Amino acid sequence: MESYSVLLKSESNVPAPTLATELAKILERPAGELTRALRQHPWILIEHVDATALDEVFEALGREGVVAKAVPDIHMPKLRPALRVRDADPVEKGLFLKVAEPPSPPVLPWDEIRLIAVGEATLAAGEEGQIYGAWKGGGGTPAASRGPTSTPGSAGLGPAKQSSKSPLLMGIITGGENPMTLAIDAGNFNYEFLKKRMKPTSRENLKLLLKAILARRPDIPITDRTRGWLEGEPASSYRFRSLKAFGVHIRWVLQGIEEREAEEA
């Protein structure tokens, strides 16, 4: 039997506890786990839903005013484990990857970039060393999270559940024959390519890196949250509760891109 993922059609608030209680009865899944997932990364509401349960799921969503869509799991985007990029230079042909771990092709052609996303991800205790493996946005049980948020999925964790670190990350998702996920930690990147244009902070320099990329290829898609970051919106608009939440958001945006491309074809 085919299984489905249920996604928000557009970014919106989700009544997590109430909806989780209803979905738990339909799907026979723990309400607490569903509540945490809906709070932490609501864009992909639930994955691996049996086709026979979809009608009941959408009835529950409708009662709570949540507008969603169903996508076969086999058509959901997947993120590769991230390559750690420490040094790169936007050149004419593409992004020249000077230092990447593990080693990668030296030049990423501009036309292979499918999406760029920037986000500030709140790290759980002990997660500092897992930045490049923990934000794939698929599988696993989400870390516990509490507290209100001004933006769906934004960081609002209690102090006992998080570390003091919230790195600013850039994810570059590629297509082509060898799709990759590139991860740049703003505070651990060499910005020498900027030369005299280099600014005092890594956050300013990461903006200059993205602007340099977009100057080479203005049509590269970026997420709405990334656009808000570029335009100086408050951190709450691009902060994520966890690394996994950042990955889920990227997959949600990618699915929308792939859906539009299929409709245009």
Foldseek 3Di string as FASTA:
>chain_A
DFFKWKFFPDFDQDPQQQLLVQVCVLQVDDSQLLSQCCQAAVGGNDTGHDPVSVVSNVVSCVVRVTHIDIDTPVLFDWADQAKEQAEWAQDQQAIQRPDIPPDDPRGDGLVFWAEKEKFFEFAFPPCPVVLRGPQRQDDDGDFGADDDAPGRQAADGDPNGTDPGGWIKMWTWGHDPDTHIYIYGLVRHDLCNCPPNDDPGSLVSVLVVVVSSCVSPVPRHYDPLRVCSNVPHDNSSRHGRHSSSSSNVVSSVVSVVVVVVVVVD
